[in-house]
PDB file of N, CA and C in Angstrom:
ATOM      1  N   MET A   1      99.556 118.916  73.395  1.00  0.00           N
ATOM      2  CA  MET A   1      98.229 118.344  73.398  1.00  0.00           C
ATOM      3  C   MET A   1      97.845 118.014  74.846  1.00  0.00           C
ATOM      4  N   ALA A   2      96.648 118.326  75.215  1.00  0.00           N
ATOM      5  CA  ALA A   2      96.145 118.060  76.564  1.00  0.00           C
ATOM      6  C   ALA A   2      95.942 116.567  76.781  1.00  0.00           C
ATOM      7  N   ILE A   3      96.209 116.126  78.003  1.00  0.00           N
ATOM      8  CA  ILE A   3      95.996 114.724  78.349  1.00  0.00           C
ATOM      9  C   ILE A   3      94.500 114.466  78.488  1.00  0.00           C
ATOM     10  N   GLU A   4      94.064 113.311  78.039  1.00  0.00           N
ATOM     11  CA  GLU A   4      92.649 112.958  78.105  1.00  0.00           C
ATOM     12  C   GLU A   4      92.297 112.386  79.470  1.00  0.00           C
ATOM     13  N   LYS A   5      91.057 112.631  79.898  1.00  0.00           N
ATOM     14  CA  LYS A   5      90.577 112.098  81.184  1.00  0.00           C
ATOM     15  C   LYS A   5      90.711 110.579  81.221  1.00  0.00           C
ATOM     16  N   ALA A   6      90.312 109.938  80.138  1.00  0.00           N
ATOM     17  CA  ALA A   6      90.346 108.473  80.087  1.00  0.00           C
ATOM     18  C   ALA A   6      91.763 107.941  80.280  1.00  0.00           C
ATOM     19  N   GLU A   7      92.747 108.665  79.749  1.00  0.00           N
ATOM     20  CA  GLU A   7      94.126 108.233  79.902  1.00  0.00           C
ATOM     21  C   GLU A   7      94.587 108.356  81.354  1.00  0.00           C
ATOM     22  N   LEU A   8      94.187 109.442  82.024  1.00  0.00           N
ATOM     23  CA  LEU A   8      94.555 109.631  83.422  1.00  0.00           C
ATOM     24  C   LEU A   8      93.978 108.555  84.324  1.00  0.00           C
ATOM     25  N   SER A   9      92.799 108.073  83.989  1.00  0.00           N
ATOM     26  CA  SER A   9      92.175 107.059  84.833  1.00  0.00           C
ATOM     27  C   SER A   9      92.926 105.736  84.784  1.00  0.00           C
ATOM     28  N   LYS A  10      93.793 105.568  83.784  1.00  0.00           N
ATOM     29  CA  LYS A  10      94.550 104.322  83.641  1.00  0.00           C
ATOM     30  C   LYS A  10      95.946 104.408  84.237  1.00  0.00           C
ATOM     31  N   ILE A  11      96.432 105.606  84.503  1.00  0.00           N
ATOM     32  CA  ILE A  11      97.797 105.789  84.989  1.00  0.00           C
ATOM     33  C   ILE A  11      97.852 105.580  86.499  1.00  0.00           C
ATOM     34  N   LEU A  12      98.744 104.698  86.921  1.00  0.00           N
ATOM     35  CA  LEU A  12      98.929 104.426  88.347  1.00  0.00           C
ATOM     36  C   LEU A  12     100.230 105.052  88.823  1.00  0.00           C
ATOM     37  N   THR A  13     100.208 105.589  90.034  1.00  0.00           N
ATOM     38  CA  THR A  13     101.423 106.126  90.636  1.00  0.00           C
ATOM     39  C   THR A  13     102.305 104.966  91.093  1.00  0.00           C
ATOM     40  N   LYS A  14     103.552 105.263  91.442  1.00  0.00           N
ATOM     41  CA  LYS A  14     104.448 104.219  91.955  1.00  0.00           C
ATOM     42  C   LYS A  14     103.878 103.603  93.221  1.00  0.00           C
ATOM     43  N   LYS A  15     103.300 104.425  94.081  1.00  0.00           N
ATOM     44  CA  LYS A  15     102.708 103.929  95.329  1.00  0.00           C
ATOM     45  C   LYS A  15     101.529 103.001  95.027  1.00  0.00           C
ATOM     46  N   GLN A  16     100.698 103.366  94.057  1.00  0.00           N
ATOM     47  CA  GLN A  16      99.561 102.520  93.690  1.00  0.00           C
ATOM     48  C   GLN A  16     100.042 101.209  93.080  1.00  0.00           C
ATOM     49  N   LEU A  17     101.066 101.262  92.226  1.00  0.00           N
ATOM     50  CA  LEU A  17     101.618 100.031  91.651  1.00  0.00           C
ATOM     51  C   LEU A  17     102.180  99.122  92.736  1.00  0.00           C
ATOM     52  N   GLN A  18     102.788  99.720  93.749  1.00  0.00           N
ATOM     53  CA  GLN A  18     103.307  98.933  94.870  1.00  0.00           C
ATOM     54  C   GLN A  18     102.167  98.244  95.611  1.00  0.00           C
ATOM     55  N   GLU A  19     101.063  98.959  95.818  1.00  0.00           N
ATOM     56  CA  GLU A  19      99.910  98.354  96.483  1.00  0.00           C
ATOM     57  C   GLU A  19      99.311  97.242  95.636  1.00  0.00           C
ATOM     58  N   VAL A  20      99.281  97.426  94.315  1.00  0.00           N
ATOM     59  CA  VAL A  20      98.794  96.366  93.414  1.00  0.00           C
ATOM     60  C   VAL A  20      99.649  95.121  93.602  1.00  0.00           C
ATOM     61  N   LYS A  21     100.955  95.284  93.619  1.00  0.00           N
ATOM     62  CA  LYS A  21     101.866  94.142  93.770  1.00  0.00           C
ATOM     63  C   LYS A  21     101.660  93.437  95.103  1.00  0.00           C
ATOM     64  N   ILE A  22     101.457  94.217  96.168  1.00  0.00           N
ATOM     65  CA  ILE A  22     101.239  93.635  97.499  1.00  0.00           C
ATOM     66  C   ILE A  22      99.936  92.831  97.520  1.00  0.00           C
ATOM     67  N   LEU A  23      98.863  93.414  97.002  1.00  0.00           N
ATOM     68  CA  LEU A  23      97.576  92.712  96.992  1.00  0.00           C
ATOM     69  C   LEU A  23      97.625  91.497  96.069  1.00  0.00           C
ATOM     70  N   GLU A  24      98.268  91.632  94.920  1.00  0.00           N
ATOM     71  CA  GLU A  24      98.390  90.512  93.994  1.00  0.00           C
ATOM     72  C   GLU A  24      99.144  89.360  94.646  1.00  0.00           C
ATOM     73  N   SER A  25     100.193  89.658  95.358  1.00  0.00           N
ATOM     74  CA  SER A  25     100.954  88.630  96.065  1.00  0.00           C
ATOM     75  C   SER A  25     100.092  87.949  97.126  1.00  0.00           C
ATOM     76  N   HIS A  26      99.324  88.745  97.852  1.00  0.00           N
ATOM     77  CA  HIS A  26      98.420  88.208  98.879  1.00  0.00           C
ATOM     78  C   HIS A  26      97.348  87.324  98.244  1.00  0.00           C
ATOM     79  N   PHE A  27      96.732  87.791  97.152  1.00  0.00           N
ATOM     80  CA  PHE A  27      95.694  87.007  96.472  1.00  0.00           C
ATOM     81  C   PHE A  27      96.274  85.694  95.957  1.00  0.00           C
ATOM     82  N   ASP A  28      97.451  85.761  95.326  1.00  0.00           N
ATOM     83  CA  ASP A  28      98.066  84.554  94.782  1.00  0.00           C
ATOM     84  C   ASP A  28      98.367  83.538  95.873  1.00  0.00           C
ATOM     85  N   LYS A  29      98.849  84.020  97.011  1.00  0.00           N
ATOM     86  CA  LYS A  29      99.142  83.132  98.142  1.00  0.00           C
ATOM     87  C   LYS A  29      97.867  82.435  98.610  1.00  0.00           C
ATOM     88  N   GLU A  30      96.797  83.203  98.769  1.00  0.00           N
ATOM     89  CA  GLU A  30      95.523  82.631  99.208  1.00  0.00           C
ATOM     90  C   GLU A  30      94.979  81.638  98.178  1.00  0.00           C
ATOM     91  N   LEU A  31      95.090  81.961  96.909  1.00  0.00           N
ATOM     92  CA  LEU A  31      94.617  81.048  95.864  1.00  0.00           C
ATOM     93  C   LEU A  31      95.391  79.737  95.896  1.00  0.00           C
ATOM     94  N   ARG A  32      96.705  79.826  96.033  1.00  0.00           N
ATOM     95  CA  ARG A  32      97.519  78.602  96.081  1.00  0.00           C
ATOM     96  C   ARG A  32      97.137  77.724  97.267  1.00  0.00           C
ATOM     97  N   GLU A  33      96.806  78.338  98.389  1.00  0.00           N
ATOM     98  CA  GLU A  33      96.485  77.583  99.600  1.00  0.00           C
ATOM     99  C   GLU A  33      95.038  77.100  99.637  1.00  0.00           C
ATOM    100  N   GLU A  34      94.100  77.876  99.082  1.00  0.00           N
ATOM    101  CA  GLU A  34      92.679  77.600  99.296  1.00  0.00           C
ATOM    102  C   GLU A  34      91.907  77.099  98.080  1.00  0.00           C
ATOM    103  N   TYR A  35      92.376  77.350  96.868  1.00  0.00           N
ATOM    104  CA  TYR A  35      91.590  76.993  95.690  1.00  0.00           C
ATOM    105  C   TYR A  35      91.598  75.489  95.474  1.00  0.00           C
ATOM    106  N   THR A  36      90.390  74.917  95.364  1.00  0.00           N
ATOM    107  CA  THR A  36      90.260  73.472  95.171  1.00  0.00           C
ATOM    108  C   THR A  36      89.716  73.118  93.796  1.00  0.00           C
ATOM    109  N   GLY A  37      89.331  74.108  93.025  1.00  0.00           N
ATOM    110  CA  GLY A  37      88.835  73.855  91.675  1.00  0.00           C
ATOM    111  C   GLY A  37      87.332  73.806  91.572  1.00  0.00           C
ATOM    112  N   ASP A  38      86.645  73.560  92.684  1.00  0.00           N
ATOM    113  CA  ASP A  38      85.195  73.451  92.615  1.00  0.00           C
ATOM    114  C   ASP A  38      84.477  74.675  93.180  1.00  0.00           C
ATOM    115  N   GLN A  39      85.168  75.473  93.949  1.00  0.00           N
ATOM    116  CA  GLN A  39      84.558  76.666  94.531  1.00  0.00           C
ATOM    117  C   GLN A  39      85.532  77.822  94.403  1.00  0.00           C
ATOM    118  N   GLY A  40      85.002  79.004  94.570  1.00  0.00           N
ATOM    119  CA  GLY A  40      85.855  80.173  94.564  1.00  0.00           C
ATOM    120  C   GLY A  40      86.548  80.348  95.901  1.00  0.00           C
ATOM    121  N   VAL A  41      87.372  81.344  95.959  1.00  0.00           N
ATOM    122  CA  VAL A  41      88.096  81.683  97.175  1.00  0.00           C
ATOM    123  C   VAL A  41      87.686  83.084  97.590  1.00  0.00           C
ATOM    124  N   ILE A  42      87.357  83.239  98.857  1.00  0.00           N
ATOM    125  CA  ILE A  42      86.998  84.542  99.405  1.00  0.00           C
ATOM    126  C   ILE A  42      88.169  85.017 100.253  1.00  0.00           C
ATOM    127  N   ILE A  43      88.612  86.243  99.975  1.00  0.00           N
ATOM    128  CA  ILE A  43      89.758  86.814 100.676  1.00  0.00           C
ATOM    129  C   ILE A  43      89.302  88.091 101.365  1.00  0.00           C
ATOM    130  N   GLN A  44      89.440  88.120 102.681  1.00  0.00           N
ATOM    131  CA  GLN A  44      89.069  89.305 103.453  1.00  0.00           C
ATOM    132  C   GLN A  44      90.096  90.408 103.218  1.00  0.00           C
ATOM    133  N   LEU A  45      89.623  91.633 103.154  1.00  0.00           N
ATOM    134  CA  LEU A  45      90.487  92.803 102.978  1.00  0.00           C
ATOM    135  C   LEU A  45      90.352  93.723 104.180  1.00  0.00           C
ATOM    136  N   ASN A  46      91.413  94.433 104.501  1.00  0.00           N
ATOM    137  CA  ASN A  46      91.346  95.407 105.587  1.00  0.00           C
ATOM    138  C   ASN A  46      90.521  96.617 105.194  1.00  0.00           C
ATOM    139  N   ASN A  47      90.582  96.981 103.914  1.00  0.00           N
ATOM    140  CA  ASN A  47      89.784  98.083 103.383  1.00  0.00           C
ATOM    141  C   ASN A  47      89.697  97.941 101.868  1.00  0.00           C
ATOM    142  N   SER A  48      88.769  98.646 101.272  1.00  0.00           N
ATOM    143  CA  SER A  48      88.619  98.601  99.824  1.00  0.00           C
ATOM    144  C   SER A  48      89.771  99.342  99.168  1.00  0.00           C
ATOM    145  N   PRO A  49      90.348  98.742  98.127  1.00  0.00           N
ATOM    146  CA  PRO A  49      91.428  99.444  97.445  1.00  0.00           C
ATOM    147  C   PRO A  49      90.900 100.643  96.652  1.00  0.00           C
ATOM    148  N   ASN A  50      91.783 101.576  96.398  1.00  0.00           N
ATOM    149  CA  ASN A  50      91.508 102.706  95.536  1.00  0.00           C
ATOM    150  C   ASN A  50      90.918 102.170  94.216  1.00  0.00           C
ATOM    151  N   PRO A  51      89.949 102.870  93.613  1.00  0.00           N
ATOM    152  CA  PRO A  51      89.333 102.371  92.370  1.00  0.00           C
ATOM    153  C   PRO A  51      90.336 102.049  91.263  1.00  0.00           C
ATOM    154  N   LYS A  52      91.391 102.836  91.119  1.00  0.00           N
ATOM    155  CA  LYS A  52      92.397 102.535  90.091  1.00  0.00           C
ATOM    156  C   LYS A  52      93.099 101.214  90.388  1.00  0.00           C
ATOM    157  N   ILE A  53      93.393 100.970  91.656  1.00  0.00           N
ATOM    158  CA  ILE A  53      94.042  99.727  92.066  1.00  0.00           C
ATOM    159  C   ILE A  53      93.101  98.558  91.839  1.00  0.00           C
ATOM    160  N   GLN A  54      91.863  98.738  92.206  1.00  0.00           N
ATOM    161  CA  GLN A  54      90.860  97.693  92.012  1.00  0.00           C
ATOM    162  C   GLN A  54      90.718  97.352  90.527  1.00  0.00           C
ATOM    163  N   HIS A  55      90.643  98.354  89.674  1.00  0.00           N
ATOM    164  CA  HIS A  55      90.509  98.105  88.231  1.00  0.00           C
ATOM    165  C   HIS A  55      91.727  97.381  87.668  1.00  0.00           C
ATOM    166  N   GLU A  56      92.916  97.735  88.157  1.00  0.00           N
ATOM    167  CA  GLU A  56      94.127  97.065  87.681  1.00  0.00           C
ATOM    168  C   GLU A  56      94.139  95.601  88.119  1.00  0.00           C
ATOM    169  N   LEU A  57      93.748  95.334  89.361  1.00  0.00           N
ATOM    170  CA  LEU A  57      93.676  93.945  89.827  1.00  0.00           C
ATOM    171  C   LEU A  57      92.629  93.163  89.043  1.00  0.00           C
ATOM    172  N   GLU A  58      91.486  93.773  88.788  1.00  0.00           N
ATOM    173  CA  GLU A  58      90.446  93.113  87.990  1.00  0.00           C
ATOM    174  C   GLU A  58      90.982  92.785  86.601  1.00  0.00           C
ATOM    175  N   ARG A  59      91.674  93.736  85.986  1.00  0.00           N
ATOM    176  CA  ARG A  59      92.225  93.515  84.646  1.00  0.00           C
ATOM    177  C   ARG A  59      93.212  92.351  84.655  1.00  0.00           C
ATOM    178  N   ARG A  60      94.116  92.335  85.633  1.00  0.00           N
ATOM    179  CA  ARG A  60      95.140  91.285  85.692  1.00  0.00           C
ATOM    180  C   ARG A  60      94.533  89.904  85.921  1.00  0.00           C
ATOM    181  N   TYR A  61      93.600  89.805  86.851  1.00  0.00           N
ATOM    182  CA  TYR A  61      93.041  88.486  87.158  1.00  0.00           C
ATOM    183  C   TYR A  61      92.091  88.001  86.066  1.00  0.00           C
ATOM    184  N   ARG A  62      91.358  88.896  85.447  1.00  0.00           N
ATOM    185  CA  ARG A  62      90.510  88.476  84.316  1.00  0.00           C
ATOM    186  C   ARG A  62      91.367  87.986  83.165  1.00  0.00           C
ATOM    187  N   GLN A  63      92.468  88.677  82.920  1.00  0.00           N
ATOM    188  CA  GLN A  63      93.388  88.277  81.865  1.00  0.00           C
ATOM    189  C   GLN A  63      93.988  86.895  82.164  1.00  0.00           C
ATOM    190  N   ALA A  64      94.122  86.575  83.449  1.00  0.00           N
ATOM    191  CA  ALA A  64      94.665  85.282  83.862  1.00  0.00           C
ATOM    192  C   ALA A  64      93.580  84.195  83.938  1.00  0.00           C
ATOM    193  N   GLY A  65      92.332  84.550  83.596  1.00  0.00           N
ATOM    194  CA  GLY A  65      91.270  83.550  83.541  1.00  0.00           C
ATOM    195  C   GLY A  65      90.368  83.481  84.758  1.00  0.00           C
ATOM    196  N   TRP A  66      90.499  84.405  85.685  1.00  0.00           N
ATOM    197  CA  TRP A  66      89.689  84.403  86.895  1.00  0.00           C
ATOM    198  C   TRP A  66      88.496  85.335  86.762  1.00  0.00           C
ATOM    199  N   LYS A  67      87.437  84.982  87.462  1.00  0.00           N
ATOM    200  CA  LYS A  67      86.327  85.907  87.671  1.00  0.00           C
ATOM    201  C   LYS A  67      86.601  86.533  89.034  1.00  0.00           C
ATOM    202  N   ILE A  68      86.679  87.852  89.085  1.00  0.00           N
ATOM    203  CA  ILE A  68      87.022  88.546  90.323  1.00  0.00           C
ATOM    204  C   ILE A  68      85.954  89.583  90.623  1.00  0.00           C
ATOM    205  N   VAL A  69      85.485  89.569  91.881  1.00  0.00           N
ATOM    206  CA  VAL A  69      84.453  90.515  92.302  1.00  0.00           C
ATOM    207  C   VAL A  69      84.834  91.068  93.669  1.00  0.00           C
ATOM    208  N   PHE A  70      84.894  92.391  93.747  1.00  0.00           N
ATOM    209  CA  PHE A  70      85.144  93.057  95.024  1.00  0.00           C
ATOM    210  C   PHE A  70      83.812  93.336  95.700  1.00  0.00           C
ATOM    211  N   HIS A  71      83.751  93.112  97.017  1.00  0.00           N
ATOM    212  CA  HIS A  71      82.535  93.326  97.786  1.00  0.00           C
ATOM    213  C   HIS A  71      82.822  94.246  98.970  1.00  0.00           C
ATOM    214  N   SER A  72      81.790  94.993  99.354  1.00  0.00           N
ATOM    215  CA  SER A  72      81.889  95.856 100.520  1.00  0.00           C
ATOM    216  C   SER A  72      80.534  95.887 101.203  1.00  0.00           C
ATOM    217  N   ASP A  73      80.534  95.669 102.505  1.00  0.00           N
ATOM    218  CA  ASP A  73      79.298  95.670 103.276  1.00  0.00           C
ATOM    219  C   ASP A  73      79.589  96.340 104.613  1.00  0.00           C
ATOM    220  N   GLN A  74      78.715  97.187 105.030  1.00  0.00           N
ATOM    221  CA  GLN A  74      78.930  97.924 106.273  1.00  0.00           C
ATOM    222  C   GLN A  74      79.135  96.991 107.466  1.00  0.00           C
ATOM    223  N   ARG A  75      78.406  95.891 107.495  1.00  0.00           N
ATOM    224  CA  ARG A  75      78.528  94.956 108.623  1.00  0.00           C
ATOM    225  C   ARG A  75      79.599  93.903 108.405  1.00  0.00           C
ATOM    226  N   GLU A  76      79.725  93.437 107.178  1.00  0.00           N
ATOM    227  CA  GLU A  76      80.635  92.324 106.878  1.00  0.00           C
ATOM    228  C   GLU A  76      82.061  92.770 106.559  1.00  0.00           C
ATOM    229  N   GLY A  77      82.243  94.019 106.210  1.00  0.00           N
ATOM    230  CA  GLY A  77      83.573  94.510 105.865  1.00  0.00           C
ATOM    231  C   GLY A  77      83.839  94.450 104.369  1.00  0.00           C
ATOM    232  N   GLU A  78      85.099  94.281 104.018  1.00  0.00           N
ATOM    233  CA  GLU A  78      85.537  94.273 102.614  1.00  0.00           C
ATOM    234  C   GLU A  78      86.118  92.900 102.288  1.00  0.00           C
ATOM    235  N   TRP A  79      85.824  92.410 101.080  1.00  0.00           N
ATOM    236  CA  TRP A  79      86.399  91.151 100.655  1.00  0.00           C
ATOM    237  C   TRP A  79      86.385  91.073  99.129  1.00  0.00           C
ATOM    238  N   VAL A  80      87.160  90.145  98.618  1.00  0.00           N
ATOM    239  CA  VAL A  80      87.215  89.893  97.187  1.00  0.00           C
ATOM    240  C   VAL A  80      86.954  88.403  96.977  1.00  0.00           C
ATOM    241  N   GLU A  81      86.231  88.107  95.916  1.00  0.00           N
ATOM    242  CA  GLU A  81      85.914  86.721  95.581  1.00  0.00           C
ATOM    243  C   GLU A  81      86.543  86.397  94.233  1.00  0.00           C
ATOM    244  N   LEU A  82      87.283  85.308  94.197  1.00  0.00           N
ATOM    245  CA  LEU A  82      87.934  84.842  92.967  1.00  0.00           C
ATOM    246  C   LEU A  82      87.423  83.442  92.640  1.00  0.00           C
ATOM    247  N   ARG A  83      86.979  83.271  91.403  1.00  0.00           N
ATOM    248  CA  ARG A  83      86.491  81.964  90.920  1.00  0.00           C
ATOM    249  C   ARG A  83      87.162  81.603  89.631  1.00  0.00           C
TER     250      ARG A  83
END
């Protein structure tokens, strides 16, 4: 049976999973240091993650109760906001 497109979009390579773990560790560290309960935390990124990585991070943080939004601006760079 042929693999479905939708299924492929969910499969992460080992390298992508490693990047997810690295970013998740970075986000968690920033949240522990900066989150005060009344405002969100903005975390600067060096570049936008691959869409599959971004979707996996969104899934994990939403499941953990966070609102997560990735932003990209030509002048401001890349960042993620967690509330």
